[in-house]
Amino acid sequence: MKKSRFTESQIVAILKEADAGLKVDDICRQHGISSATNYN
């Protein structure tokens, strides 16, 4: 299995930012991920 670039706690924190109402594009830019990865 491929090793994830982010830890589970980092992923949870990124998703909580999205739930808090921040724009997905801004979150992706801050963390260096694509918007497609975020929606996956």
Protein backbone atom coordinates (compact mmCIF):
# COMPACT_ATOMS: atom_id res chain seq x y z
CA MET A 1 0.00 0.00 0.00
CA LYS A 2 1.24 3.49 -0.86
CA LYS A 3 2.41 5.57 2.09
CA SER A 4 0.36 8.72 2.58
CA ARG A 5 2.10 12.09 2.39
CA PHE A 6 0.01 13.38 5.29
CA THR A 7 -0.64 11.81 8.68
CA GLU A 8 -4.17 10.99 9.72
CA SER A 9 -4.27 13.93 12.13
CA GLN A 10 -3.16 16.34 9.38
CA ILE A 11 -5.91 15.07 7.09
CA VAL A 12 -8.51 15.54 9.83
CA ALA A 13 -7.27 19.09 10.44
CA ILE A 14 -7.52 19.94 6.73
CA LEU A 15 -11.07 18.57 6.56
CA LYS A 16 -12.07 20.56 9.66
CA GLU A 17 -10.80 23.73 7.96
CA ALA A 18 -13.08 22.97 5.03
CA ASP A 19 -16.03 22.38 7.37
CA ALA A 20 -15.29 25.68 9.09
CA GLY A 21 -16.14 27.49 5.86
CA LEU A 22 -12.77 28.26 4.31
CA LYS A 23 -12.60 28.10 0.52
CA VAL A 24 -11.37 24.76 -0.77
CA ASP A 25 -8.99 26.45 -3.22
CA ASP A 26 -7.33 28.40 -0.40
CA ILE A 27 -6.95 25.32 1.79
CA CYS A 28 -5.44 23.32 -1.07
CA ARG A 29 -2.98 26.09 -1.86
CA GLN A 30 -1.86 26.33 1.79
CA HIS A 31 -1.24 22.60 2.13
CA GLY A 32 0.06 21.89 -1.36
CA ILE A 33 -2.64 19.50 -2.51
CA SER A 34 -4.86 19.56 -5.58
CA SER A 35 -8.55 20.27 -5.30
CA ALA A 36 -9.25 16.83 -6.84
CA THR A 37 -7.28 15.20 -4.00
CA ASN A 38 -9.35 17.11 -1.48
CA TYR A 39 -12.64 15.93 -2.98
CA ASN A 40 -11.40 12.33 -3.01
